[in-house]
Amino acid sequence: MWEGRTEAWKYFREVQTKDQKYVPLIADTDQPAVEMNRERMEKFRPEMRKYYFDSSKHGTYLEQLGISYPTVR
């Protein structure tokens, strides 16, 4: 299984995208336009606060939400 994945990535890098270079649409110097949503955020932030992670009360965010995530043992 892993061998096929390794071969797929190799084909992707060396054949399919060999001559392509990633060019991000956002420059490192671009800043988010936070002022655009200021009014909306002020309206909804109080409601959002109950979803902020509180590490003093909970070990994980999922635990805070009451979600038991399956673990492999």
PDB file of N, CA and C in Angstrom:
ATOM      1  N   MET A   1       0.829  -1.200   0.000  1.00  0.00           N
ATOM      2  CA  MET A   1       0.000   0.000   0.000  1.00  0.00           C
ATOM      3  C   MET A   1       0.862   1.250   0.000  1.00  0.00           C
ATOM      4  N   TRP A   2       1.841   1.335   0.886  1.00  0.00           N
ATOM      5  CA  TRP A   2       2.700   2.508   0.956  1.00  0.00           C
ATOM      6  C   TRP A   2       3.547   2.641  -0.295  1.00  0.00           C
ATOM      7  N   GLU A   3       3.908   1.517  -0.868  1.00  0.00           N
ATOM      8  CA  GLU A   3       4.735   1.536  -2.066  1.00  0.00           C
ATOM      9  C   GLU A   3       3.990   2.226  -3.210  1.00  0.00           C
ATOM     10  N   GLY A   4       2.713   1.938  -3.347  1.00  0.00           N
ATOM     11  CA  GLY A   4       1.900   2.573  -4.389  1.00  0.00           C
ATOM     12  C   GLY A   4       1.776   4.069  -4.175  1.00  0.00           C
ATOM     13  N   ARG A   5       1.649   4.454  -2.927  1.00  0.00           N
ATOM     14  CA  ARG A   5       1.538   5.874  -2.618  1.00  0.00           C
ATOM     15  C   ARG A   5       2.845   6.588  -2.946  1.00  0.00           C
ATOM     16  N   THR A   6       3.954   5.956  -2.605  1.00  0.00           N
ATOM     17  CA  THR A   6       5.267   6.529  -2.887  1.00  0.00           C
ATOM     18  C   THR A   6       5.455   6.698  -4.391  1.00  0.00           C
ATOM     19  N   GLU A   7       5.065   5.697  -5.139  1.00  0.00           N
ATOM     20  CA  GLU A   7       5.178   5.773  -6.596  1.00  0.00           C
ATOM     21  C   GLU A   7       4.264   6.855  -7.172  1.00  0.00           C
ATOM     22  N   ALA A   8       3.075   6.986  -6.601  1.00  0.00           N
ATOM     23  CA  ALA A   8       2.139   8.009  -7.076  1.00  0.00           C
ATOM     24  C   ALA A   8       2.705   9.404  -6.855  1.00  0.00           C
ATOM     25  N   TRP A   9       3.285   9.647  -5.666  1.00  0.00           N
ATOM     26  CA  TRP A   9       3.884  10.947  -5.384  1.00  0.00           C
ATOM     27  C   TRP A   9       5.073  11.202  -6.306  1.00  0.00           C
ATOM     28  N   LYS A  10       5.859  10.195  -6.545  1.00  0.00           N
ATOM     29  CA  LYS A  10       7.012  10.332  -7.430  1.00  0.00           C
ATOM     30  C   LYS A  10       6.550  10.709  -8.843  1.00  0.00           C
ATOM     31  N   TYR A  11       5.518  10.029  -9.336  1.00  0.00           N
ATOM     32  CA  TYR A  11       4.974  10.324 -10.663  1.00  0.00           C
ATOM     33  C   TYR A  11       4.414  11.749 -10.694  1.00  0.00           C
ATOM     34  N   PHE A  12       3.707  12.132  -9.640  1.00  0.00           N
ATOM     35  CA  PHE A  12       3.130  13.475  -9.566  1.00  0.00           C
ATOM     36  C   PHE A  12       4.216  14.542  -9.635  1.00  0.00           C
ATOM     37  N   ARG A  13       5.278  14.357  -8.837  1.00  0.00           N
ATOM     38  CA  ARG A  13       6.355  15.360  -8.783  1.00  0.00           C
ATOM     39  C   ARG A  13       7.237  15.352 -10.035  1.00  0.00           C
ATOM     40  N   GLU A  14       7.589  14.159 -10.515  1.00  0.00           N
ATOM     41  CA  GLU A  14       8.589  14.059 -11.579  1.00  0.00           C
ATOM     42  C   GLU A  14       8.009  14.055 -12.981  1.00  0.00           C
ATOM     43  N   VAL A  15       6.697  13.819 -13.117  1.00  0.00           N
ATOM     44  CA  VAL A  15       6.098  13.773 -14.450  1.00  0.00           C
ATOM     45  C   VAL A  15       4.999  14.827 -14.592  1.00  0.00           C
ATOM     46  N   GLN A  16       3.943  14.688 -13.793  1.00  0.00           N
ATOM     47  CA  GLN A  16       2.781  15.563 -13.958  1.00  0.00           C
ATOM     48  C   GLN A  16       3.080  17.036 -13.674  1.00  0.00           C
ATOM     49  N   THR A  17       3.836  17.328 -12.633  1.00  0.00           N
ATOM     50  CA  THR A  17       4.079  18.727 -12.258  1.00  0.00           C
ATOM     51  C   THR A  17       5.553  19.099 -12.343  1.00  0.00           C
ATOM     52  N   LYS A  18       6.283  18.362 -13.125  1.00  0.00           N
ATOM     53  CA  LYS A  18       7.730  18.572 -13.250  1.00  0.00           C
ATOM     54  C   LYS A  18       8.088  20.016 -13.613  1.00  0.00           C
ATOM     55  N   ASP A  19       7.355  20.600 -14.554  1.00  0.00           N
ATOM     56  CA  ASP A  19       7.682  21.938 -15.058  1.00  0.00           C
ATOM     57  C   ASP A  19       6.799  23.039 -14.454  1.00  0.00           C
ATOM     58  N   GLN A  20       6.025  22.719 -13.436  1.00  0.00           N
ATOM     59  CA  GLN A  20       5.145  23.716 -12.831  1.00  0.00           C
ATOM     60  C   GLN A  20       5.739  24.224 -11.528  1.00  0.00           C
ATOM     61  N   LYS A  21       5.585  25.518 -11.312  1.00  0.00           N
ATOM     62  CA  LYS A  21       6.052  26.129 -10.075  1.00  0.00           C
ATOM     63  C   LYS A  21       4.850  26.775  -9.392  1.00  0.00           C
ATOM     64  N   TYR A  22       4.699  26.507  -8.115  1.00  0.00           N
ATOM     65  CA  TYR A  22       3.586  27.082  -7.355  1.00  0.00           C
ATOM     66  C   TYR A  22       3.804  28.576  -7.178  1.00  0.00           C
ATOM     67  N   VAL A  23       2.787  29.352  -7.517  1.00  0.00           N
ATOM     68  CA  VAL A  23       2.825  30.802  -7.339  1.00  0.00           C
ATOM     69  C   VAL A  23       1.624  31.176  -6.473  1.00  0.00           C
ATOM     70  N   PRO A  24       1.864  31.556  -5.221  1.00  0.00           N
ATOM     71  CA  PRO A  24       0.738  31.891  -4.333  1.00  0.00           C
ATOM     72  C   PRO A  24       0.022  33.152  -4.799  1.00  0.00           C
ATOM     73  N   LEU A  25      -1.282  33.193  -4.560  1.00  0.00           N
ATOM     74  CA  LEU A  25      -2.076  34.365  -4.927  1.00  0.00           C
ATOM     75  C   LEU A  25      -1.897  35.495  -3.926  1.00  0.00           C
ATOM     76  N   ILE A  26      -1.473  35.163  -2.708  1.00  0.00           N
ATOM     77  CA  ILE A  26      -1.293  36.152  -1.656  1.00  0.00           C
ATOM     78  C   ILE A  26       0.192  36.276  -1.348  1.00  0.00           C
ATOM     79  N   ALA A  27       0.685  37.492  -1.342  1.00  0.00           N
ATOM     80  CA  ALA A  27       2.105  37.728  -1.052  1.00  0.00           C
ATOM     81  C   ALA A  27       2.342  37.690   0.456  1.00  0.00           C
ATOM     82  N   ASP A  28       3.586  37.480   0.854  1.00  0.00           N
ATOM     83  CA  ASP A  28       3.948  37.475   2.270  1.00  0.00           C
ATOM     84  C   ASP A  28       3.658  38.817   2.936  1.00  0.00           C
ATOM     85  N   THR A  29       3.651  39.873   2.157  1.00  0.00           N
ATOM     86  CA  THR A  29       3.433  41.216   2.708  1.00  0.00           C
ATOM     87  C   THR A  29       1.957  41.600   2.783  1.00  0.00           C
ATOM     88  N   ASP A  30       1.059  40.821   2.171  1.00  0.00           N
ATOM     89  CA  ASP A  30      -0.376  41.125   2.200  1.00  0.00           C
ATOM     90  C   ASP A  30      -0.927  40.958   3.615  1.00  0.00           C
ATOM     91  N   GLN A  31      -1.776  41.885   4.009  1.00  0.00           N
ATOM     92  CA  GLN A  31      -2.400  41.853   5.318  1.00  0.00           C
ATOM     93  C   GLN A  31      -3.892  41.582   5.172  1.00  0.00           C
ATOM     94  N   PRO A  32      -4.498  40.884   6.124  1.00  0.00           N
ATOM     95  CA  PRO A  32      -5.943  40.634   6.037  1.00  0.00           C
ATOM     96  C   PRO A  32      -6.734  41.928   6.209  1.00  0.00           C
ATOM     97  N   ALA A  33      -7.837  42.025   5.522  1.00  0.00           N
ATOM     98  CA  ALA A  33      -8.693  43.210   5.598  1.00  0.00           C
ATOM     99  C   ALA A  33      -9.664  43.048   6.764  1.00  0.00           C
ATOM    100  N   VAL A  34      -9.117  43.099   7.976  1.00  0.00           N
ATOM    101  CA  VAL A  34      -9.928  42.859   9.167  1.00  0.00           C
ATOM    102  C   VAL A  34     -11.019  43.901   9.372  1.00  0.00           C
ATOM    103  N   GLU A  35     -10.830  45.087   8.863  1.00  0.00           N
ATOM    104  CA  GLU A  35     -11.831  46.134   9.041  1.00  0.00           C
ATOM    105  C   GLU A  35     -13.129  45.817   8.298  1.00  0.00           C
ATOM    106  N   MET A  36     -13.063  44.963   7.286  1.00  0.00           N
ATOM    107  CA  MET A  36     -14.254  44.636   6.510  1.00  0.00           C
ATOM    108  C   MET A  36     -15.312  43.926   7.350  1.00  0.00           C
ATOM    109  N   ASN A  37     -14.906  43.109   8.304  1.00  0.00           N
ATOM    110  CA  ASN A  37     -15.852  42.338   9.099  1.00  0.00           C
ATOM    111  C   ASN A  37     -15.948  42.798  10.550  1.00  0.00           C
ATOM    112  N   ARG A  38     -15.410  43.955  10.845  1.00  0.00           N
ATOM    113  CA  ARG A  38     -15.374  44.431  12.228  1.00  0.00           C
ATOM    114  C   ARG A  38     -16.773  44.468  12.857  1.00  0.00           C
ATOM    115  N   GLU A  39     -17.737  45.030  12.160  1.00  0.00           N
ATOM    116  CA  GLU A  39     -19.093  45.156  12.698  1.00  0.00           C
ATOM    117  C   GLU A  39     -19.716  43.772  12.937  1.00  0.00           C
ATOM    118  N   ARG A  40     -19.547  42.877  11.996  1.00  0.00           N
ATOM    119  CA  ARG A  40     -20.100  41.525  12.117  1.00  0.00           C
ATOM    120  C   ARG A  40     -19.443  40.771  13.276  1.00  0.00           C
ATOM    121  N   MET A  41     -18.126  40.904  13.402  1.00  0.00           N
ATOM    122  CA  MET A  41     -17.417  40.213  14.480  1.00  0.00           C
ATOM    123  C   MET A  41     -17.829  40.754  15.847  1.00  0.00           C
ATOM    124  N   GLU A  42     -18.029  42.047  15.960  1.00  0.00           N
ATOM    125  CA  GLU A  42     -18.472  42.621  17.225  1.00  0.00           C
ATOM    126  C   GLU A  42     -19.851  42.088  17.603  1.00  0.00           C
ATOM    127  N   LYS A  43     -20.661  41.819  16.612  1.00  0.00           N
ATOM    128  CA  LYS A  43     -22.005  41.291  16.855  1.00  0.00           C
ATOM    129  C   LYS A  43     -21.943  39.837  17.342  1.00  0.00           C
ATOM    130  N   PHE A  44     -21.101  39.006  16.731  1.00  0.00           N
ATOM    131  CA  PHE A  44     -21.104  37.577  17.020  1.00  0.00           C
ATOM    132  C   PHE A  44     -20.035  37.113  18.012  1.00  0.00           C
ATOM    133  N   ARG A  45     -19.053  37.935  18.317  1.00  0.00           N
ATOM    134  CA  ARG A  45     -17.976  37.496  19.215  1.00  0.00           C
ATOM    135  C   ARG A  45     -18.477  37.021  20.578  1.00  0.00           C
ATOM    136  N   PRO A  46     -19.422  37.710  21.225  1.00  0.00           N
ATOM    137  CA  PRO A  46     -19.895  37.207  22.527  1.00  0.00           C
ATOM    138  C   PRO A  46     -20.441  35.770  22.436  1.00  0.00           C
ATOM    139  N   GLU A  47     -21.138  35.447  21.390  1.00  0.00           N
ATOM    140  CA  GLU A  47     -21.665  34.088  21.211  1.00  0.00           C
ATOM    141  C   GLU A  47     -20.547  33.093  20.928  1.00  0.00           C
ATOM    142  N   MET A  48     -19.493  33.542  20.253  1.00  0.00           N
ATOM    143  CA  MET A  48     -18.373  32.665  19.912  1.00  0.00           C
ATOM    144  C   MET A  48     -17.510  32.347  21.129  1.00  0.00           C
ATOM    145  N   ARG A  49     -17.501  33.202  22.129  1.00  0.00           N
ATOM    146  CA  ARG A  49     -16.617  33.019  23.283  1.00  0.00           C
ATOM    147  C   ARG A  49     -16.810  31.673  23.977  1.00  0.00           C
ATOM    148  N   LYS A  50     -18.021  31.146  23.981  1.00  0.00           N
ATOM    149  CA  LYS A  50     -18.249  29.867  24.653  1.00  0.00           C
ATOM    150  C   LYS A  50     -17.556  28.708  23.933  1.00  0.00           C
ATOM    151  N   TYR A  51     -17.114  28.935  22.706  1.00  0.00           N
ATOM    152  CA  TYR A  51     -16.397  27.904  21.957  1.00  0.00           C
ATOM    153  C   TYR A  51     -14.881  28.067  22.013  1.00  0.00           C
ATOM    154  N   TYR A  52     -14.386  29.111  22.662  1.00  0.00           N
ATOM    155  CA  TYR A  52     -12.945  29.295  22.807  1.00  0.00           C
ATOM    156  C   TYR A  52     -12.403  28.185  23.702  1.00  0.00           C
ATOM    157  N   PHE A  53     -11.252  27.665  23.389  1.00  0.00           N
ATOM    158  CA  PHE A  53     -10.664  26.571  24.156  1.00  0.00           C
ATOM    159  C   PHE A  53     -10.149  27.071  25.503  1.00  0.00           C
ATOM    160  N   ASP A  54     -10.539  26.386  26.572  1.00  0.00           N
ATOM    161  CA  ASP A  54     -10.098  26.726  27.923  1.00  0.00           C
ATOM    162  C   ASP A  54      -9.237  25.577  28.444  1.00  0.00           C
ATOM    163  N   SER A  55      -7.918  25.734  28.337  1.00  0.00           N
ATOM    164  CA  SER A  55      -6.994  24.660  28.722  1.00  0.00           C
ATOM    165  C   SER A  55      -6.936  24.463  30.236  1.00  0.00           C
ATOM    166  N   SER A  56      -7.439  25.425  31.006  1.00  0.00           N
ATOM    167  CA  SER A  56      -7.429  25.255  32.461  1.00  0.00           C
ATOM    168  C   SER A  56      -8.535  24.294  32.916  1.00  0.00           C
ATOM    169  N   LYS A  57      -9.533  24.072  32.080  1.00  0.00           N
ATOM    170  CA  LYS A  57     -10.649  23.194  32.434  1.00  0.00           C
ATOM    171  C   LYS A  57     -10.673  21.890  31.637  1.00  0.00           C
ATOM    172  N   HIS A  58     -10.048  21.873  30.454  1.00  0.00           N
ATOM    173  CA  HIS A  58     -10.158  20.719  29.569  1.00  0.00           C
ATOM    174  C   HIS A  58      -8.791  20.355  28.984  1.00  0.00           C
ATOM    175  N   GLY A  59      -8.606  19.064  28.728  1.00  0.00           N
ATOM    176  CA  GLY A  59      -7.354  18.592  28.141  1.00  0.00           C
ATOM    177  C   GLY A  59      -7.271  18.837  26.655  1.00  0.00           C
ATOM    178  N   THR A  60      -8.418  18.751  25.958  1.00  0.00           N
ATOM    179  CA  THR A  60      -8.452  18.969  24.510  1.00  0.00           C
ATOM    180  C   THR A  60      -9.701  19.766  24.154  1.00  0.00           C
ATOM    181  N   TYR A  61      -9.721  20.308  22.954  1.00  0.00           N
ATOM    182  CA  TYR A  61     -10.881  21.061  22.486  1.00  0.00           C
ATOM    183  C   TYR A  61     -12.075  20.129  22.312  1.00  0.00           C
ATOM    184  N   LEU A  62     -11.820  18.911  21.797  1.00  0.00           N
ATOM    185  CA  LEU A  62     -12.913  17.961  21.637  1.00  0.00           C
ATOM    186  C   LEU A  62     -13.536  17.604  22.981  1.00  0.00           C
ATOM    187  N   GLU A  63     -12.705  17.465  24.001  1.00  0.00           N
ATOM    188  CA  GLU A  63     -13.208  17.185  25.353  1.00  0.00           C
ATOM    189  C   GLU A  63     -14.096  18.333  25.826  1.00  0.00           C
ATOM    190  N   GLN A  64     -13.696  19.552  25.543  1.00  0.00           N
ATOM    191  CA  GLN A  64     -14.488  20.720  25.932  1.00  0.00           C
ATOM    192  C   GLN A  64     -15.852  20.689  25.261  1.00  0.00           C
ATOM    193  N   LEU A  65     -15.911  20.232  24.012  1.00  0.00           N
ATOM    194  CA  LEU A  65     -17.175  20.175  23.280  1.00  0.00           C
ATOM    195  C   LEU A  65     -17.994  18.939  23.624  1.00  0.00           C
ATOM    196  N   GLY A  66     -17.417  18.036  24.443  1.00  0.00           N
ATOM    197  CA  GLY A  66     -18.140  16.830  24.824  1.00  0.00           C
ATOM    198  C   GLY A  66     -18.085  15.743  23.773  1.00  0.00           C
ATOM    199  N   ILE A  67     -17.066  15.782  22.934  1.00  0.00           N
ATOM    200  CA  ILE A  67     -16.922  14.796  21.862  1.00  0.00           C
ATOM    201  C   ILE A  67     -15.862  13.789  22.268  1.00  0.00           C
ATOM    202  N   SER A  68     -16.231  12.494  22.283  1.00  0.00           N
ATOM    203  CA  SER A  68     -15.236  11.471  22.585  1.00  0.00           C
ATOM    204  C   SER A  68     -14.716  10.922  21.266  1.00  0.00           C
ATOM    205  N   TYR A  69     -13.480  11.203  20.997  1.00  0.00           N
ATOM    206  CA  TYR A  69     -12.847  10.815  19.743  1.00  0.00           C
ATOM    207  C   TYR A  69     -12.327   9.386  19.888  1.00  0.00           C
ATOM    208  N   PRO A  70     -12.629   8.519  18.912  1.00  0.00           N
ATOM    209  CA  PRO A  70     -12.145   7.138  19.025  1.00  0.00           C
ATOM    210  C   PRO A  70     -10.622   7.069  18.963  1.00  0.00           C
ATOM    211  N   THR A  71     -10.051   6.260  19.817  1.00  0.00           N
ATOM    212  CA  THR A  71      -8.598   6.091  19.820  1.00  0.00           C
ATOM    213  C   THR A  71      -8.241   4.660  19.457  1.00  0.00           C
ATOM    214  N   VAL A  72      -7.087   4.490  18.880  1.00  0.00           N
ATOM    215  CA  VAL A  72      -6.589   3.169  18.525  1.00  0.00           C
ATOM    216  C   VAL A  72      -5.695   2.696  19.644  1.00  0.00           C
ATOM    217  N   ARG A  73      -5.938   1.521  20.146  1.00  0.00           N
ATOM    218  CA  ARG A  73      -5.124   0.973  21.233  1.00  0.00           C
ATOM    219  C   ARG A  73      -4.515  -0.334  20.810  1.00  0.00           C
TER     220      ARG A  73
END
